[in-house]
Structure formats: structure tokens, C-alpha cells
Amino acid sequence: MAKQSQISFGFDFAEEPRVKLKKPEVVTVAPVVAEVPKKEKKKPLQKRGRKSFKDMELETELVNVPADEELFKKQYYSIGEVAKMFHANQSLIRFWEIEFDVLKPKKNKKGDRYFRPEDVKNLQLIHYLLRQKKYTVEGAKEYFKKNKNATEKLELVKNLEKVKAFLLELKANL
């Protein structure tokens, strides 16, 4: 058998340490005053369930559907873009698609919905009826059945609202 040798690293634990440690000194530090930022007011948590009529009225003013010239520049809008225009959830747009026969978005193989500008105009009318005129879903369906020129009436109403806003602004500047 081979002889095993022992390797020594020069540590001898029996000896006392060569360096003597000094006693810790007490150091006084001047207090640092830091400004604590004020807490911002937290937004109230959104309520679950149905929104109040007041909240719905405020949201109807936020609808950002572009003018016809700009709207018809693109052939298709994704459901996300449409939801942003109406400040609504995508699930609400899908629900309206199921409930109203006038909405027929194209779907690709993956199942993504793409709305034509005509569909966006119809969604604008549906939003107007449900949110501003406070129709029920059934009432809005009947409105579509009775009024084939419903989108033209909506455009007329929007144009009249623009004229009214212009006249009120003109009156305020006098």
C-alpha cells in the first residue's frame, strides 16, 4: 500500500491570535432628517357590478370614434382598438356582437375579431342607444328592426349636437 502523507496548512488553533482586537468605540452620528413624501390620495376602488347612471353619462362623453374620413382609411379595426374607442371592455363588445345581428366582424383562423368601419358605426349607434338614451338591449334590437336608416339618424343627431355646441360657444364669446 502507498503511504499517505498529511498536508499541513500552517494553522495551529492552540496558539492565541496574533492580532489583538481593540474595544469598539462609540461614535455619535447627527440625526438625518429626510422629507417623507406625502401620500397621494388613492383612487377609490372600482365597484363591482353595474355602473351608476351618472358614471355612464360621464363615459358617453369620452367616446373617441374618429370622423368618417379617418375611420374609413383602415379596412379593419381589432376588438382592442374598438374597445378603446368606446372606453369599454372587450367582453362588452363581444356581448354586443352576439346580441345584435347588425354586427358581423370578420374572424381570422385564430378567432380574432376584426371590425369593419360600418361595424364601428353600428357600434356607435348601439352605444348611443344603450348608454345615452338608456334603451334596454331588447329595446335597442326593436329600434334596429323598425328603423333601417338608424345610422343616418345618429349622424344627424351628432351633427346637430356639433351645431349646438358651436352656437353655445359663440353665445359665450359675445
Protein backbone atom coordinates (compact mmCIF):
# COMPACT_ATOMS: atom_id res chain seq x y z
CA MET A 1 0.00 0.00 0.00
CA ALA A 2 1.06 3.51 -0.65
CA LYS A 3 2.00 5.76 2.19
CA GLN A 4 -0.46 8.57 2.79
CA SER A 5 1.05 11.91 3.59
CA GLN A 6 -0.63 14.55 5.61
CA ILE A 7 -0.82 18.11 4.25
CA SER A 8 -0.36 20.93 6.72
CA PHE A 9 -1.57 24.47 6.05
CA GLY A 10 0.20 26.05 8.98
CA PHE A 11 -2.82 26.70 11.14
CA ASP A 12 -2.37 25.98 14.77
CA PHE A 13 -5.52 26.52 16.69
CA ALA A 14 -3.85 26.09 20.02
CA GLU A 15 -2.00 29.40 19.67
CA GLU A 16 -3.62 32.69 20.60
CA PRO A 17 -4.46 35.06 17.80
CA ARG A 18 -1.60 37.30 16.80
CA VAL A 19 -3.71 40.43 16.28
CA LYS A 20 -5.41 41.83 19.32
CA LEU A 21 -8.75 43.47 18.65
CA LYS A 22 -9.47 46.91 20.04
CA LYS A 23 -12.55 47.62 22.05
CA PRO A 24 -15.33 49.14 19.94
CA GLU A 25 -15.56 52.90 20.10
CA VAL A 26 -18.87 54.70 20.46
CA VAL A 27 -19.48 57.08 17.58
CA THR A 28 -22.28 59.62 17.69
CA VAL A 29 -23.98 60.48 14.44
CA ALA A 30 -26.02 63.60 13.82
CA PRO A 31 -29.62 62.75 13.08
CA VAL A 32 -30.55 62.93 9.40
CA VAL A 33 -33.90 64.49 8.64
CA ALA A 34 -35.38 63.20 5.43
CA GLU A 35 -38.56 64.50 3.90
CA VAL A 36 -41.16 61.84 3.61
CA PRO A 37 -43.27 62.33 0.50
CA LYS A 38 -46.92 62.90 1.19
CA LYS A 39 -49.15 60.02 0.36
CA GLU A 40 -51.22 60.65 -2.70
CA LYS A 41 -54.90 60.11 -2.47
CA LYS A 42 -55.74 56.65 -3.61
CA LYS A 43 -58.31 56.27 -6.31
CA PRO A 44 -61.41 54.66 -4.95
CA LEU A 45 -61.65 51.03 -5.90
CA GLN A 46 -63.99 50.35 -8.74
CA LYS A 47 -67.29 49.00 -7.68
CA ARG A 48 -68.27 45.63 -8.90
CA GLY A 49 -71.42 45.18 -10.88
CA ARG A 50 -73.46 47.74 -12.72
CA LYS A 51 -72.28 51.33 -13.02
CA SER A 52 -74.44 54.19 -11.87
CA PHE A 53 -76.26 56.27 -14.46
CA LYS A 54 -74.09 59.25 -13.55
CA ASP A 55 -70.90 57.29 -14.30
CA MET A 56 -72.38 56.00 -17.55
CA GLU A 57 -73.25 59.54 -18.67
CA LEU A 58 -69.71 60.72 -17.98
CA GLU A 59 -68.30 57.86 -20.05
CA THR A 60 -70.56 58.56 -23.02
CA GLU A 61 -68.81 61.88 -23.48
CA LEU A 62 -65.45 60.09 -23.71
CA VAL A 63 -66.26 58.10 -26.85
CA ASN A 64 -63.47 58.70 -29.38
CA VAL A 65 -64.78 57.42 -32.69
CA PRO A 66 -62.87 59.24 -35.44
CA ALA A 67 -64.56 61.17 -38.22
CA ASP A 68 -65.75 59.22 -41.27
CA GLU A 69 -62.81 60.21 -43.46
CA GLU A 70 -60.32 58.92 -40.91
CA LEU A 71 -62.45 55.93 -39.91
CA PHE A 72 -62.70 54.61 -43.46
CA LYS A 73 -58.93 54.86 -44.08
CA LYS A 74 -58.49 51.46 -42.44
CA GLN A 75 -60.40 48.42 -43.62
CA TYR A 76 -60.46 46.63 -40.28
CA TYR A 77 -60.14 47.51 -36.60
CA SER A 78 -59.21 44.98 -33.93
CA ILE A 79 -61.52 44.47 -30.99
CA GLY A 80 -58.94 46.13 -28.74
CA GLU A 81 -58.93 49.29 -30.85
CA VAL A 82 -62.72 49.36 -30.90
CA ALA A 83 -62.90 48.86 -27.14
CA LYS A 84 -60.52 51.81 -26.64
CA MET A 85 -62.69 54.00 -28.88
CA PHE A 86 -65.72 53.33 -26.70
CA HIS A 87 -63.88 53.11 -23.35
CA ALA A 88 -65.43 49.71 -22.80
CA ASN A 89 -64.22 46.21 -22.09
CA GLN A 90 -63.65 43.80 -24.95
CA SER A 91 -66.15 41.46 -23.33
CA LEU A 92 -68.86 44.12 -23.71
CA ILE A 93 -68.08 44.48 -27.41
CA ARG A 94 -68.25 40.68 -27.80
CA PHE A 95 -71.58 40.66 -25.94
CA TRP A 96 -72.99 43.33 -28.26
CA GLU A 97 -71.77 41.32 -31.24
CA ILE A 98 -73.75 38.30 -30.01
CA GLU A 99 -76.88 40.29 -29.18
CA PHE A 100 -77.11 42.49 -32.29
CA ASP A 101 -77.34 40.95 -35.74
CA VAL A 102 -76.09 44.09 -37.49
CA LEU A 103 -72.58 43.49 -36.13
CA LYS A 104 -70.70 40.97 -38.22
CA PRO A 105 -66.97 41.27 -37.59
CA LYS A 106 -64.59 39.16 -39.63
CA LYS A 107 -62.73 36.44 -37.76
CA ASN A 108 -59.37 35.01 -38.72
CA LYS A 109 -58.32 31.37 -38.25
CA LYS A 110 -57.20 32.18 -34.73
CA GLY A 111 -60.63 33.61 -33.89
CA ASP A 112 -59.62 37.26 -33.54
CA ARG A 113 -62.40 39.70 -34.39
CA TYR A 114 -61.81 42.49 -36.90
CA PHE A 115 -64.49 45.14 -37.25
CA ARG A 116 -65.15 47.00 -40.49
CA PRO A 117 -65.82 50.75 -40.33
CA GLU A 118 -69.54 50.01 -40.89
CA ASP A 119 -69.48 47.81 -37.80
CA VAL A 120 -67.86 50.62 -35.83
CA LYS A 121 -70.62 52.98 -36.93
CA ASN A 122 -73.23 50.43 -35.84
CA LEU A 123 -71.44 50.03 -32.52
CA GLN A 124 -71.57 53.80 -32.14
CA LEU A 125 -75.34 53.67 -32.62
CA ILE A 126 -75.68 50.78 -30.16
CA HIS A 127 -73.59 52.69 -27.62
CA TYR A 128 -75.71 55.79 -28.15
CA LEU A 129 -78.96 53.88 -27.66
CA LEU A 130 -77.85 51.90 -24.63
CA ARG A 131 -75.75 54.49 -22.81
CA GLN A 132 -77.24 57.86 -23.70
CA LYS A 133 -80.86 57.05 -24.48
CA LYS A 134 -80.95 54.34 -21.78
CA TYR A 135 -82.59 51.73 -24.00
CA THR A 136 -82.59 48.14 -22.87
CA VAL A 137 -80.90 45.59 -25.10
CA GLU A 138 -84.31 44.35 -26.25
CA GLY A 139 -85.48 47.92 -26.91
CA ALA A 140 -82.37 48.63 -28.98
CA LYS A 141 -82.98 45.45 -31.00
CA GLU A 142 -86.51 46.61 -31.76
CA TYR A 143 -85.19 50.03 -32.73
CA PHE A 144 -82.88 48.40 -35.27
CA LYS A 145 -85.74 46.30 -36.68
CA LYS A 146 -88.07 49.29 -37.07
CA ASN A 147 -85.51 51.83 -38.29
CA LYS A 148 -83.42 50.64 -41.20
CA ASN A 149 -81.87 54.12 -41.54
CA ALA A 150 -80.83 54.26 -37.89
CA THR A 151 -77.19 55.14 -38.62
CA GLU A 152 -78.28 58.12 -40.71
CA LYS A 153 -80.40 59.37 -37.82
CA LEU A 154 -77.44 59.02 -35.47
CA GLU A 155 -75.26 61.06 -37.82
CA LEU A 156 -77.96 63.72 -37.97
CA VAL A 157 -78.12 63.84 -34.16
CA LYS A 158 -74.31 64.11 -33.90
CA ASN A 159 -74.23 66.94 -36.43
CA LEU A 160 -76.98 68.79 -34.57
CA GLU A 161 -75.04 68.39 -31.32
CA LYS A 162 -71.96 69.90 -33.00
CA VAL A 163 -74.02 72.86 -34.25
CA LYS A 164 -75.50 73.32 -30.77
CA ALA A 165 -72.03 73.27 -29.18
CA PHE A 166 -70.79 75.80 -31.75
CA LEU A 167 -73.72 78.13 -31.11
CA LEU A 168 -73.31 77.90 -27.33
CA GLU A 169 -69.61 78.73 -27.71
CA LEU A 170 -70.45 81.65 -29.96
CA LYS A 171 -73.00 82.91 -27.43
CA ALA A 172 -70.45 82.64 -24.62
CA ASN A 173 -67.91 84.69 -26.57
CA LEU A 174 -70.36 87.59 -27.17
